[in-house]
Protein backbone atom coordinates (compact mmCIF):
# COMPACT_ATOMS: atom_id res chain seq x y z
CA MET A 1 -9.70 -3.95 -11.81
CA GLY A 2 -12.24 -6.75 -12.05
CA GLY A 3 -13.33 -9.24 -9.45
CA CYS A 4 -13.45 -7.41 -6.18
CA PHE A 5 -15.98 -4.71 -6.82
CA SER A 6 -19.13 -4.64 -8.87
CA LYS A 7 -21.26 -1.54 -9.38
CA PRO A 8 -24.89 -2.20 -8.42
CA LYS A 9 -27.41 0.57 -7.91
CA PRO A 10 -26.65 2.51 -4.73
CA VAL A 11 -28.51 1.17 -1.74
CA GLU A 12 -28.52 2.35 1.82
CA VAL A 13 -27.08 0.00 4.38
CA LYS A 14 -26.87 -0.08 8.15
CA VAL A 15 -23.50 -0.97 9.62
CA GLU A 16 -23.56 -3.14 12.70
CA LEU A 17 -20.70 -2.38 15.04
CA SER A 18 -19.20 -4.75 17.50
CA LEU A 19 -16.28 -3.83 19.70
CA LEU A 20 -13.78 -6.53 18.94
CA GLU A 21 -11.01 -7.93 21.03
CA LYS A 22 -8.09 -5.54 21.24
CA GLU A 23 -5.83 -6.11 18.23
CA LYS A 24 -2.65 -7.91 19.16
CA GLU A 25 -0.84 -7.28 15.91
CA VAL A 26 1.93 -4.86 15.25
CA ASP A 27 2.20 -4.77 11.49
CA GLY A 28 5.11 -7.04 10.67
CA LEU A 29 8.28 -6.00 8.99
CA SER A 30 8.64 -8.72 6.40
CA PRO A 31 7.50 -7.37 3.02
CA ASN A 32 6.86 -9.42 -0.08
CA GLY A 33 9.85 -11.50 -1.01
CA LYS A 34 10.62 -13.97 -3.74
CA ALA A 35 7.75 -15.49 -5.64
CA SER A 36 6.30 -18.83 -4.71
CA PRO A 37 7.05 -21.46 -7.37
CA PHE A 38 3.49 -22.78 -7.11
CA ALA A 39 1.66 -20.49 -9.50
CA ASP A 40 -0.07 -23.59 -10.87
CA SER A 41 -1.98 -24.46 -7.69
CA ARG A 42 -5.23 -26.13 -8.62
CA PRO A 43 -8.52 -24.42 -7.83
CA ASN A 44 -10.76 -25.08 -4.87
CA GLY A 45 -13.41 -27.75 -5.05
CA ALA A 46 -17.13 -27.64 -4.31
CA LEU A 47 -19.13 -29.46 -1.67
CA GLY A 48 -19.67 -33.14 -2.47
CA HIS A 49 -17.80 -33.14 -5.78
CA GLY A 50 -14.40 -31.60 -5.19
CA SER A 51 -11.88 -31.05 -7.96
CA ASP A 52 -9.60 -33.67 -6.46
CA ASP A 53 -6.61 -34.39 -8.62
CA ASP A 54 -6.74 -38.14 -7.88
CA SER A 55 -8.38 -38.43 -11.28
CA THR A 56 -5.65 -36.35 -12.92
CA PRO A 57 -2.07 -37.62 -13.28
CA LEU A 58 0.25 -35.53 -11.15
CA PRO A 59 3.02 -33.65 -12.99
CA LEU A 60 6.34 -35.43 -12.52
CA TYR A 61 7.66 -32.75 -10.21
CA HIS A 62 4.59 -33.01 -7.96
CA LYS A 63 5.17 -36.30 -6.21
CA PRO A 64 2.51 -37.59 -3.78
CA ARG A 65 4.90 -37.06 -0.86
CA ASP A 66 4.92 -33.34 -1.73
CA TYR A 67 1.28 -33.22 -0.60
CA VAL A 68 -0.48 -33.39 2.73
CA GLU A 69 -4.10 -34.43 3.22
CA ALA A 70 -6.15 -33.97 6.37
CA SER A 71 -9.73 -34.17 7.60
CA VAL A 72 -10.27 -30.77 9.19
CA CYS A 73 -13.88 -30.63 10.36
CA HIS A 74 -17.43 -31.99 10.07
CA VAL A 75 -19.48 -30.63 7.18
CA LYS A 76 -21.91 -28.98 9.63
CA ASP A 77 -19.20 -27.26 11.67
CA LEU A 78 -19.27 -24.23 9.34
CA GLU A 79 -22.31 -22.16 8.46
CA ASN A 80 -22.53 -20.34 5.14
CA GLY A 81 -20.43 -17.18 5.26
CA GLN A 82 -18.05 -18.56 7.90
CA MET A 83 -14.27 -18.98 7.80
CA ARG A 84 -12.01 -21.09 9.99
CA GLU A 85 -8.24 -21.47 10.27
CA VAL A 86 -7.40 -25.19 10.19
CA ASP A 87 -4.22 -27.18 10.83
CA LEU A 88 -3.06 -29.68 8.23
CA GLY A 89 0.01 -30.82 10.15
CA SER A 90 2.49 -29.28 7.69
CA GLY A 91 0.92 -25.85 7.98
CA ARG A 92 -2.34 -23.98 8.34
CA ALA A 93 -5.01 -23.11 5.80
CA LEU A 94 -8.12 -20.96 5.66
CA LEU A 95 -11.31 -22.99 5.19
CA ILE A 96 -14.28 -21.06 3.82
CA LYS A 97 -17.93 -21.96 3.32
CA GLU A 98 -20.04 -19.81 1.02
CA HIS A 99 -23.26 -20.74 -0.80
CA GLY A 100 -22.97 -24.31 0.43
CA GLU A 101 -19.51 -24.79 -1.09
CA PHE A 102 -16.20 -25.21 0.69
CA SER A 103 -12.93 -23.72 -0.48
CA ALA A 104 -9.47 -23.46 1.06
CA MET A 105 -6.47 -21.23 0.58
CA ALA A 106 -3.49 -19.78 2.44
CA HIS A 107 -4.48 -18.21 5.76
CA LYS A 108 -2.14 -15.19 5.83
CA CYS A 109 -2.29 -12.05 3.71
CA PRO A 110 1.00 -12.01 1.76
CA HIS A 111 1.29 -8.24 2.21
CA TYR A 112 2.12 -8.11 5.95
CA GLY A 113 0.93 -11.50 7.19
CA ALA A 114 -2.49 -10.55 8.58
CA PRO A 115 -4.71 -13.50 9.66
CA LEU A 116 -7.39 -13.58 6.96
CA VAL A 117 -9.79 -15.44 9.27
CA LYS A 118 -10.28 -12.05 10.97
CA GLY A 119 -11.05 -10.39 7.65
CA VAL A 120 -14.29 -9.87 5.77
CA LEU A 121 -15.83 -12.60 3.57
CA SER A 122 -18.21 -11.31 0.91
CA LYS A 123 -19.34 -12.33 -2.56
CA GLY A 124 -16.55 -14.72 -3.40
CA HIS A 125 -13.61 -12.89 -1.91
CA VAL A 126 -11.90 -12.27 1.43
CA ARG A 127 -10.74 -8.79 2.41
CA CYS A 128 -7.69 -8.46 4.66
CA PRO A 129 -8.52 -6.99 8.11
CA TRP A 130 -5.38 -4.83 8.28
CA HIS A 131 -4.97 -3.09 4.93
CA GLY A 132 -7.93 -4.08 2.77
CA ALA A 133 -6.34 -6.34 0.13
CA CYS A 134 -8.85 -8.68 -1.58
CA PHE A 135 -8.40 -12.33 -2.59
CA ASN A 136 -10.70 -14.46 -4.76
CA ILE A 137 -11.67 -17.54 -2.74
CA ALA A 138 -11.86 -19.80 -5.81
CA THR A 139 -8.52 -18.89 -7.43
CA GLY A 140 -6.60 -17.15 -4.63
CA ASP A 141 -5.89 -14.29 -7.05
CA LEU A 142 -5.21 -10.83 -5.67
CA GLU A 143 -8.16 -8.69 -6.75
CA ASP A 144 -7.52 -5.48 -4.85
CA PHE A 145 -4.41 -4.00 -3.30
CA PRO A 146 -2.05 -3.43 -1.45
CA GLY A 147 0.50 -6.19 -2.07
CA LEU A 148 1.98 -8.00 -5.04
CA ASP A 149 1.34 -11.69 -4.48
CA SER A 150 -1.71 -13.92 -4.68
CA LEU A 151 -2.55 -16.91 -2.47
CA PRO A 152 -2.15 -20.62 -3.19
CA THR A 153 -5.43 -22.52 -3.11
CA PHE A 154 -5.96 -26.09 -1.91
CA GLN A 155 -8.32 -28.86 -2.95
CA VAL A 156 -11.35 -29.57 -0.81
CA ARG A 157 -13.65 -32.58 -0.91
CA VAL A 158 -16.31 -34.01 1.38
CA GLU A 159 -16.37 -37.71 2.31
CA LYS A 160 -18.87 -39.12 4.81
CA ASP A 161 -19.62 -35.61 6.10
CA LYS A 162 -15.92 -34.94 6.74
CA VAL A 163 -14.26 -31.97 5.06
CA ILE A 164 -10.86 -33.01 3.66
CA ILE A 165 -8.18 -30.63 2.40
CA ARG A 166 -5.32 -31.72 0.13
CA ALA A 167 -2.48 -29.22 -0.15
CA ASN A 168 0.97 -28.91 -1.61
CA LYS A 169 3.35 -28.74 1.35
CA GLN A 170 5.58 -26.02 -0.08
CA ALA A 171 2.59 -23.87 -1.03
CA LEU A 172 1.28 -24.36 2.50
CA GLN A 173 4.59 -23.15 3.92
CA SER A 174 5.03 -20.31 1.45
CA GLN A 175 1.53 -18.85 1.99
CA LYS A 176 1.85 -16.87 -1.25
CA ARG A 177 2.36 -17.24 -4.99
CA SER A 178 3.01 -15.01 -7.96
CA LYS A 179 0.67 -15.03 -10.91
CA PRO A 180 2.27 -16.60 -14.00
CA MET A 181 4.08 -14.06 -16.18
CA ALA A 182 4.97 -14.02 -19.87
CA ARG A 183 8.59 -13.77 -20.99
CA CYS A 184 9.97 -11.15 -23.34
CA THR A 185 10.24 -12.58 -26.87
CA ALA A 186 11.56 -9.42 -28.55
CA VAL A 187 15.19 -9.56 -29.70
CA ILE A 188 16.90 -6.95 -27.55
CA ASN A 189 20.36 -5.52 -27.26
CA SER A 190 20.61 -4.17 -23.71
CA SER A 191 22.37 -1.05 -24.98
CA MET A 192 19.51 -0.34 -27.40
CA GLY A 193 17.94 3.03 -26.61
CA PHE A 194 14.38 1.86 -27.17
CA SER A 195 11.81 0.19 -24.95
CA HIS A 196 8.27 -0.81 -25.92
CA VAL A 197 7.21 0.25 -22.41
CA LEU A 198 9.33 2.67 -20.39
CA ILE A 199 8.44 3.17 -16.72
CA ILE A 200 9.88 6.07 -14.71
CA GLY A 201 9.73 5.22 -11.01
CA SER A 202 10.03 1.91 -9.14
CA GLY A 203 7.44 2.47 -6.41
CA PRO A 204 4.21 0.45 -6.23
CA ALA A 205 2.66 2.12 -9.30
CA GLY A 206 5.65 1.39 -11.54
CA LEU A 207 6.24 -2.10 -10.18
CA VAL A 208 2.58 -3.19 -10.44
CA CYS A 209 2.42 -1.74 -13.96
CA ALA A 210 5.40 -3.86 -15.04
CA GLU A 211 4.16 -7.04 -13.34
CA THR A 212 0.62 -6.61 -14.67
CA LEU A 213 1.91 -6.29 -18.24
CA ARG A 214 3.75 -9.59 -17.89
CA GLN A 215 0.81 -11.27 -16.11
CA GLU A 216 -1.48 -10.23 -18.97
CA GLY A 217 0.80 -11.72 -21.63
CA PHE A 218 2.87 -8.71 -22.76
CA THR A 219 5.99 -10.09 -24.50
CA ASP A 220 7.87 -6.94 -25.57
CA ARG A 221 10.60 -5.02 -23.74
CA ILE A 222 9.90 -3.35 -20.37
CA VAL A 223 12.46 -0.98 -18.85
CA MET A 224 11.90 0.54 -15.39
CA CYS A 225 14.12 3.46 -14.34
CA THR A 226 14.52 4.75 -10.80
CA MET A 227 16.51 7.43 -9.00
CA ASP A 228 16.98 4.93 -6.16
CA ARG A 229 20.07 2.77 -5.89
CA HIS A 230 18.01 -0.21 -4.67
CA PRO A 231 15.48 -2.59 -6.24
CA PRO A 232 11.85 -1.75 -5.26
CA TYR A 233 11.33 -1.55 -1.50
CA ASP A 234 8.52 -0.83 0.98
CA ARG A 235 8.94 2.92 1.50
CA PRO A 236 6.08 3.35 4.06
CA LYS A 237 8.09 1.24 6.51
CA LEU A 238 11.03 3.66 6.51
CA SER A 239 9.37 6.01 8.98
CA LYS A 240 8.06 3.18 11.17
CA SER A 241 11.27 1.13 11.38
CA LEU A 242 14.28 3.41 11.06
CA ASP A 243 16.87 0.64 11.46
CA SER A 244 15.60 -1.42 8.51
CA THR A 245 17.91 -2.05 5.57
CA ALA A 246 16.92 -1.94 1.91
CA GLU A 247 17.31 -5.73 1.89
CA GLN A 248 14.81 -6.13 4.74
CA LEU A 249 12.34 -3.78 3.03
CA ARG A 250 12.74 -5.31 -0.42
CA LEU A 251 9.57 -5.93 -2.43
CA ARG A 252 11.20 -7.69 -5.38
CA SER A 253 14.79 -8.82 -5.85
CA MET A 254 16.90 -8.14 -8.94
CA GLU A 255 16.71 -11.89 -9.61
CA PHE A 256 12.91 -11.79 -9.60
CA LEU A 257 12.85 -8.87 -12.03
CA GLN A 258 15.42 -10.53 -14.30
CA ASP A 259 13.50 -13.82 -14.25
CA HIS A 260 10.43 -11.99 -15.55
CA ASP A 261 12.30 -9.81 -18.07
CA ILE A 262 11.67 -6.53 -16.27
CA GLU A 263 14.85 -4.48 -16.77
CA LEU A 264 15.67 -2.16 -13.88
CA LEU A 265 18.02 0.80 -14.29
CA THR A 266 18.97 2.32 -10.92
CA GLU A 267 20.23 5.82 -10.12
CA LYS A 268 18.61 7.24 -13.27
CA GLU A 269 16.98 10.64 -12.95
CA ALA A 270 14.71 11.71 -15.81
CA VAL A 271 15.28 15.36 -16.74
CA ALA A 272 13.18 15.80 -19.90
CA ILE A 273 10.46 14.15 -21.95
CA ASP A 274 9.89 14.85 -25.64
CA VAL A 275 6.42 13.61 -26.54
CA LYS A 276 6.97 14.30 -30.28
CA THR A 277 9.97 12.00 -30.61
CA ARG A 278 8.62 9.79 -27.79
CA SER A 279 11.85 9.90 -25.84
CA VAL A 280 13.08 10.46 -22.29
CA THR A 281 16.45 12.02 -21.47
CA PHE A 282 18.21 11.26 -18.19
CA GLU A 283 20.68 13.32 -16.18
CA ASP A 284 23.62 11.15 -17.23
CA GLY A 285 22.84 11.76 -20.91
CA LEU A 286 21.08 8.45 -21.55
CA ARG A 287 18.16 8.80 -23.97
CA ILE A 288 15.50 6.11 -24.33
CA GLU A 289 12.73 6.11 -26.91
CA TYR A 290 9.43 4.48 -26.02
CA ARG A 291 6.19 3.29 -27.53
CA LYS A 292 4.32 3.64 -24.22
CA LEU A 293 5.50 5.64 -21.21
CA PHE A 294 4.34 5.40 -17.59
CA ILE A 295 5.30 8.25 -15.24
CA ALA A 296 5.25 7.26 -11.55
CA THR A 297 7.88 9.51 -10.01
CA GLY A 298 6.07 10.00 -6.67
CA SER A 299 6.56 13.11 -4.58
CA ASN A 300 9.32 15.35 -3.25
CA PRO A 301 9.45 16.95 0.22
CA LYS A 302 7.82 20.36 0.41
CA PRO A 303 10.59 23.00 0.52
CA MET A 304 10.96 25.00 3.73
CA ILE A 305 12.18 28.55 4.09
CA TYR A 306 14.57 29.15 6.99
CA LYS A 307 18.04 30.53 7.64
CA GLY A 308 21.04 28.25 7.88
CA LYS A 309 20.54 25.72 5.09
CA ASP A 310 24.21 24.76 4.99
CA VAL A 311 23.88 22.51 8.04
CA ARG A 312 24.02 18.75 7.73
CA ASN A 313 22.09 16.26 9.91
CA VAL A 314 18.81 17.68 8.57
CA PHE A 315 16.87 14.99 6.72
CA HIS A 316 13.98 14.55 4.36
CA LEU A 317 13.27 10.85 4.87
CA ARG A 318 13.57 9.35 1.37
CA THR A 319 15.84 6.29 1.51
CA PRO A 320 16.88 3.46 3.86
CA GLU A 321 20.21 5.29 4.26
CA ASP A 322 18.34 8.40 5.46
CA ALA A 323 16.38 6.32 7.97
CA ASN A 324 19.50 4.58 9.28
CA SER A 325 21.34 7.93 9.64
CA ILE A 326 18.44 9.47 11.56
CA ALA A 327 18.39 6.53 14.00
CA ARG A 328 22.15 6.68 14.47
CA LEU A 329 22.45 10.46 14.97
CA ALA A 330 19.44 10.65 17.31
CA ASN A 331 20.68 7.84 19.54
CA ASN A 332 20.72 9.26 23.11
CA LYS A 333 20.63 12.74 21.54
CA ASN A 334 18.04 15.44 20.85
CA ALA A 335 15.76 14.97 17.85
CA VAL A 336 13.52 17.63 16.32
CA ILE A 337 10.72 16.79 13.88
CA VAL A 338 9.42 19.66 11.75
CA GLY A 339 5.86 18.96 10.60
CA THR A 340 3.02 16.74 11.78
CA SER A 341 2.51 14.74 8.60
CA PHE A 342 2.04 11.00 9.03
CA VAL A 343 5.70 10.49 8.11
CA GLY A 344 6.87 13.10 10.63
CA MET A 345 4.75 11.67 13.43
CA GLU A 346 5.80 8.09 12.67
CA VAL A 347 9.46 9.12 12.86
CA ALA A 348 8.80 10.89 16.17
CA ALA A 349 7.20 7.72 17.56
CA ALA A 350 10.04 5.53 16.26
CA LEU A 351 12.66 7.76 17.94
CA THR A 352 11.16 7.83 21.44
CA ASP A 353 12.96 4.66 22.51
CA LYS A 354 16.27 5.85 20.97
CA ALA A 355 16.59 9.61 21.48
CA HIS A 356 17.21 11.56 24.68
CA SER A 357 14.44 13.97 23.68
CA VAL A 358 11.95 14.25 20.80
CA SER A 359 10.33 17.58 19.91
CA VAL A 360 7.64 18.05 17.26
CA ILE A 361 6.90 21.40 15.61
CA GLY A 362 3.53 21.86 13.89
CA ILE A 363 1.53 24.71 12.40
CA GLU A 364 -1.91 23.37 13.47
CA THR A 365 -3.40 23.16 16.96
CA VAL A 366 -3.26 19.35 16.92
CA PRO A 367 -1.68 16.75 14.59
CA PHE A 368 -3.83 15.17 11.84
CA LYS A 369 -6.60 17.73 12.32
CA LYS A 370 -7.26 18.05 8.60
CA ALA A 371 -7.17 14.29 7.90
CA LEU A 372 -8.73 12.79 11.04
CA GLY A 373 -10.48 15.66 12.81
CA GLU A 374 -9.63 17.49 16.03
CA LYS A 375 -10.93 14.89 18.52
CA VAL A 376 -8.97 12.01 17.01
CA GLY A 377 -5.93 14.28 16.61
CA LYS A 378 -6.02 15.22 20.30
CA ALA A 379 -6.28 11.57 21.37
CA ILE A 380 -3.22 10.65 19.30
CA MET A 381 -1.35 13.72 20.56
CA LYS A 382 -1.98 12.53 24.12
CA LEU A 383 -0.44 9.15 23.24
CA PHE A 384 2.73 10.94 22.12
CA GLU A 385 2.86 13.13 25.22
CA VAL A 386 2.61 10.06 27.45
CA ASN A 387 5.67 8.78 25.57
CA ARG A 388 7.66 11.95 26.38
CA VAL A 389 7.26 13.74 23.04
CA LYS A 390 7.10 17.55 23.40
CA PHE A 391 4.89 19.51 21.02
CA TYR A 392 5.39 23.06 19.83
CA MET A 393 2.18 23.67 17.93
CA LEU A 394 1.14 26.81 16.03
CA ASN A 395 4.87 27.31 15.44
CA GLU A 396 7.26 27.51 12.52
CA VAL A 397 11.02 27.30 12.12
CA ALA A 398 12.79 30.66 11.83
CA GLU A 399 16.40 29.53 11.81
CA MET A 400 18.65 26.49 11.99
CA ILE A 401 21.93 27.16 13.76
CA GLY A 402 24.94 24.97 13.16
CA HIS A 403 28.58 24.72 14.11
CA HIS A 404 31.13 23.41 11.59
CA GLY A 405 28.27 22.40 9.32
CA GLN A 406 26.47 20.37 12.00
CA LEU A 407 23.02 21.43 13.19
CA LYS A 408 22.98 22.38 16.88
CA GLU A 409 19.76 24.35 17.44
CA VAL A 410 16.40 25.00 15.85
CA VAL A 411 14.97 28.47 16.55
CA LEU A 412 11.19 28.90 16.31
CA LYS A 413 9.39 32.06 15.21
CA SER A 414 8.02 32.25 18.75
CA GLY A 415 11.62 32.68 19.95
CA LYS A 416 11.87 29.23 21.54
CA VAL A 417 15.24 27.51 20.98
CA LEU A 418 15.37 23.70 20.72
CA ARG A 419 18.56 21.67 20.97
CA ALA A 420 18.87 19.46 17.90
CA ASP A 421 21.42 16.77 17.05
CA ALA A 422 19.19 15.42 14.30
CA CYS A 423 16.30 17.10 12.49
CA VAL A 424 13.71 15.48 10.25
CA ILE A 425 11.50 17.55 7.94
CA GLY A 426 8.04 16.01 7.65
CA ALA A 427 6.02 18.98 6.50
CA GLY A 428 4.26 17.48 3.51
CA SER A 429 5.18 16.90 -0.12
CA ILE A 430 4.76 18.13 -3.67
CA PRO A 431 4.54 16.06 -6.89
CA ALA A 432 7.91 15.18 -8.46
CA THR A 433 7.00 16.62 -11.87
CA GLY A 434 9.46 19.51 -12.30
CA PHE A 435 11.11 17.73 -15.24
CA LEU A 436 7.82 17.83 -17.18
CA LYS A 437 7.50 21.62 -17.41
CA GLN A 438 8.58 21.83 -21.06
CA SER A 439 7.04 18.51 -22.11
CA GLY A 440 3.58 19.71 -23.07
CA ILE A 441 2.00 17.11 -20.79
CA HIS A 442 -0.90 18.82 -19.04
CA MET A 443 -0.53 19.53 -15.32
CA ASP A 444 -2.70 21.48 -12.91
CA ALA A 445 -1.67 24.60 -10.99
CA LYS A 446 -0.08 22.52 -8.21
CA GLY A 447 2.04 20.46 -10.59
CA PHE A 448 -0.08 17.28 -10.58
CA ILE A 449 -0.41 15.44 -13.89
CA THR A 450 -4.04 15.24 -15.01
CA VAL A 451 -5.13 11.81 -16.26
CA ASN A 452 -8.40 10.26 -17.40
CA LYS A 453 -10.03 7.16 -15.94
CA MET A 454 -7.63 4.99 -17.99
CA MET A 455 -4.63 6.82 -16.42
CA GLN A 456 -3.81 8.44 -19.79
CA THR A 457 -2.25 11.90 -19.82
CA SER A 458 -2.87 14.59 -22.45
CA ALA A 459 0.01 13.16 -24.54
CA GLU A 460 -0.50 10.14 -26.78
CA GLY A 461 1.06 6.98 -25.41
CA VAL A 462 1.89 8.60 -22.06
CA PHE A 463 0.29 7.33 -18.84
CA ALA A 464 0.85 8.36 -15.22
CA GLY A 465 -0.09 7.14 -11.74
CA GLY A 466 0.56 7.29 -8.02
CA ASP A 467 1.26 10.45 -6.02
CA VAL A 468 1.89 12.57 -9.14
CA VAL A 469 -1.64 12.47 -10.59
CA VAL A 470 -5.09 13.91 -10.18
CA PHE A 471 -7.60 11.40 -11.54
CA PRO A 472 -11.41 11.14 -11.86
CA PHE A 473 -12.76 9.51 -8.70
CA PRO A 474 -16.12 7.74 -9.26
CA PRO A 475 -17.48 8.12 -5.66
CA ARG A 476 -17.17 11.92 -6.04
CA ASN A 477 -18.89 12.10 -9.43
CA ASN A 478 -15.54 11.76 -11.20
CA LYS A 479 -14.12 14.89 -9.61
CA LYS A 480 -10.35 15.03 -10.23
CA VAL A 481 -8.61 14.22 -6.95
CA ASN A 482 -5.12 13.38 -5.69
CA ILE A 483 -4.97 10.45 -3.25
CA PRO A 484 -1.32 9.82 -2.32
CA HIS A 485 -1.79 6.40 -0.72
CA TRP A 486 0.53 3.41 -1.17
CA GLN A 487 -2.53 1.24 -1.90
CA MET A 488 -3.93 3.63 -4.52
CA ALA A 489 -0.62 3.66 -6.41
CA HIS A 490 -0.91 -0.13 -6.88
CA VAL A 491 -4.36 0.37 -8.43
CA HIS A 492 -3.10 3.07 -10.80
CA GLY A 493 -0.27 0.81 -11.97
CA ARG A 494 -2.65 -2.00 -12.84
CA VAL A 495 -5.18 0.22 -14.63
CA ALA A 496 -2.40 1.88 -16.64
CA ALA A 497 -0.94 -1.49 -17.71
CA LEU A 498 -4.32 -2.78 -18.87
CA SER A 499 -5.00 0.49 -20.69
CA MET A 500 -1.63 0.25 -22.50
CA MET A 501 -2.72 -3.16 -23.77
CA GLY A 502 -6.00 -1.76 -25.04
CA ARG A 503 -8.10 -3.37 -22.33
CA ALA A 504 -10.79 -1.19 -20.83
CA ALA A 505 -10.06 -0.80 -17.14
CA GLU A 506 -11.25 1.75 -14.63
CA ILE A 507 -10.56 2.42 -10.99
CA HIS A 508 -12.88 0.38 -8.77
CA THR A 509 -11.40 0.49 -5.30
CA VAL A 510 -11.84 2.12 -1.92
CA PRO A 511 -8.80 4.21 -0.87
CA TYR A 512 -7.13 2.59 2.14
CA PHE A 513 -4.19 3.72 4.26
CA TRP A 514 -2.66 2.99 7.64
CA SER A 515 -0.21 4.46 10.09
CA ALA A 516 1.60 2.75 12.98
CA MET A 517 2.85 4.47 16.15
CA PHE A 518 3.87 2.95 19.48
CA GLY A 519 2.66 -0.48 18.34
CA LYS A 520 -0.83 0.86 17.58
CA THR A 521 -2.25 1.09 14.10
CA ILE A 522 -4.64 3.64 12.64
CA ARG A 523 -6.59 2.24 9.70
CA TYR A 524 -8.50 4.47 7.30
CA ALA A 525 -10.71 3.77 4.28
CA GLY A 526 -12.64 6.05 1.96
CA TYR A 527 -12.09 9.60 0.77
CA GLY A 528 -12.85 12.04 3.56
CA GLU A 529 -11.74 15.30 1.92
CA GLY A 530 -14.17 18.06 2.95
CA PHE A 531 -15.88 16.06 5.73
CA ASP A 532 -18.22 18.21 7.81
CA ASP A 533 -18.81 15.96 10.83
CA VAL A 534 -17.16 13.08 12.68
CA ILE A 535 -19.19 10.46 14.56
CA ILE A 536 -17.06 8.60 17.08
CA GLN A 537 -17.93 5.31 18.72
CA GLY A 538 -15.82 3.51 21.30
CA ASP A 539 -13.38 5.22 23.66
CA LEU A 540 -10.89 7.82 22.43
CA ASP A 541 -9.08 7.92 25.77
CA GLU A 542 -8.48 4.17 25.55
CA LEU A 543 -7.55 4.53 21.85
CA ARG A 544 -10.22 1.97 21.04
CA PHE A 545 -12.53 3.71 18.63
CA VAL A 546 -14.05 4.00 15.20
CA ALA A 547 -14.61 7.41 13.60
CA PHE A 548 -17.07 7.91 10.73
CA TYR A 549 -16.44 10.95 8.52
CA THR A 550 -19.56 12.39 6.90
CA ARG A 551 -20.38 14.94 4.21
CA SER A 552 -23.95 16.17 4.59
CA GLU A 553 -25.85 12.92 5.34
CA GLU A 554 -23.43 10.36 3.91
CA VAL A 555 -20.46 8.47 5.39
CA VAL A 556 -17.49 9.09 3.09
CA ALA A 557 -14.64 7.60 5.17
CA VAL A 558 -13.88 5.69 8.35
CA ALA A 559 -10.87 5.46 10.66
CA SER A 560 -10.25 3.13 13.58
CA MET A 561 -7.81 1.96 16.21
CA ASN A 562 -8.15 -1.39 18.02
CA TYR A 563 -11.50 -1.95 16.31
CA ASP A 564 -10.71 -4.49 13.56
CA PRO A 565 -12.05 -5.38 11.07
CA ILE A 566 -14.49 -2.45 10.97
CA VAL A 567 -12.48 -0.42 8.44
CA SER A 568 -12.28 -3.37 6.03
CA ARG A 569 -15.98 -4.02 6.60
CA VAL A 570 -16.89 -0.44 5.69
CA ALA A 571 -14.54 -0.59 2.69
CA GLU A 572 -16.42 -3.69 1.55
CA VAL A 573 -19.77 -1.88 1.82
CA LEU A 574 -18.57 1.26 0.05
CA GLY A 575 -16.78 -0.78 -2.61
CA SER A 576 -19.96 -2.64 -3.51
CA GLY A 577 -21.62 0.66 -4.46
CA LYS A 578 -23.78 0.97 -1.36
CA THR A 579 -24.11 4.13 0.69
CA ILE A 580 -23.94 4.38 4.46
CA LYS A 581 -26.08 7.16 5.87
CA LYS A 582 -25.14 9.28 8.85
CA ARG A 583 -28.25 8.23 10.75
CA ASP A 584 -27.21 4.57 10.46
CA VAL A 585 -24.05 5.07 12.53
CA GLU A 586 -25.16 7.79 14.95
């Protein structure tokens, strides 16, 4: 990945905790939009001899009136390692002092708009306090995910002990920029059944793969195929904001993709891959040959066995249309959620202010027990109960009863009957790899594609990433693991793209995910699979806590609520190759 994480010898580190002011944010609902036109923002300057462009003629389209300049503080107002949000009149910027040098860049994370001043500054980059994205303070470049855009940077100089920032007004307003991308120079007939790079899937892995290829100078044809009818959108928001449209959730527009010569074919389902002829066949009969293939098909809902499958108004939340239908059918009616996955629980939370009743059926004693531990699970369960959600735990569905094809009741194996006008299945997922069974591409017993550290599969020229893969994870001695996080899929897409271009790239990141319910956000970093103890600080009853997950004597993951930016801080420590010992946080 470069930039964000180096790999020094492991050292032990003590983590200092401070209970921070209760977070006021509810993760916003405006995903990445169109690119900023200011990919050519000049770099930050250094203390005393800034890279001011007074000495450089401005390009014709950058007129002096397009810029704003302001004295923002005294040189001694910031200590080394400090950040401050400053007002330039036409917008705000983030001023940073590290190693005696000042730099300035946009103050909001372009992913969901988090205030970066509340993030973590370390070794030349700032880590977002909400979801862990990393930005280089000298260039503004995105160095670790989630998100697609980088930050504009602004010039800084010091005159008579005053720190002065000069910024492009539009960049200041935009608060984000896209890295420059190459154009396709290959002569292409759009009906030609060949693509130099063929990508199956338009989620974060596929999209980042395509954009990285262009950012790194790839000038041949890129075709991205998706079963969806929409351009790439922010799928994690579906379960948190059921009324959102595909347009509101959009990550990249068709215009953006066309401008960067990334061809998108919608409503295309791959049904077979022939690795000998290097071709993919789709359900509609289309066949495309490839030189390099990237498989990022994500996951499918885990099938459930019950009677009465012919009923409608039972949903696996996959698309904006599904989300909108769930919200409409549950309005002032009875909603039943089957499964206590993060998606299922987020839907339950989102329906409490719409539905007459919300019932959740789960097979464990408490939600999230496996992922977050019993104590944290119980605290979150209590939050739901306060908001009138009824739980039927240690239960399974026996039958779904309908009338004229419409679901009316859900019958549990315990005999309990629940009225249901809308039902959402959130009982987990399986990799969407059924179409690969005859391909010869190696998969494990659960259907996950096995890849190496370069995201290469067993077939030449074929790469894979995202939810569908098991990959070697360095913090676990390169044990093959599956980490189905939105953030991790971005990383896989970038590593695969660099590998396709023959550039050595490996995964250097800390897994990071989040979940939002009732305006409260759970943040989680690390890989806690197989944790044997949980050390909790703060107050679970007040939902203001941090939980450290340990295996033997080492902290392997952390989760928090209302305790920012502790999760990003721990991610920073773990990402730098250091270890946190159990005794340090007890």
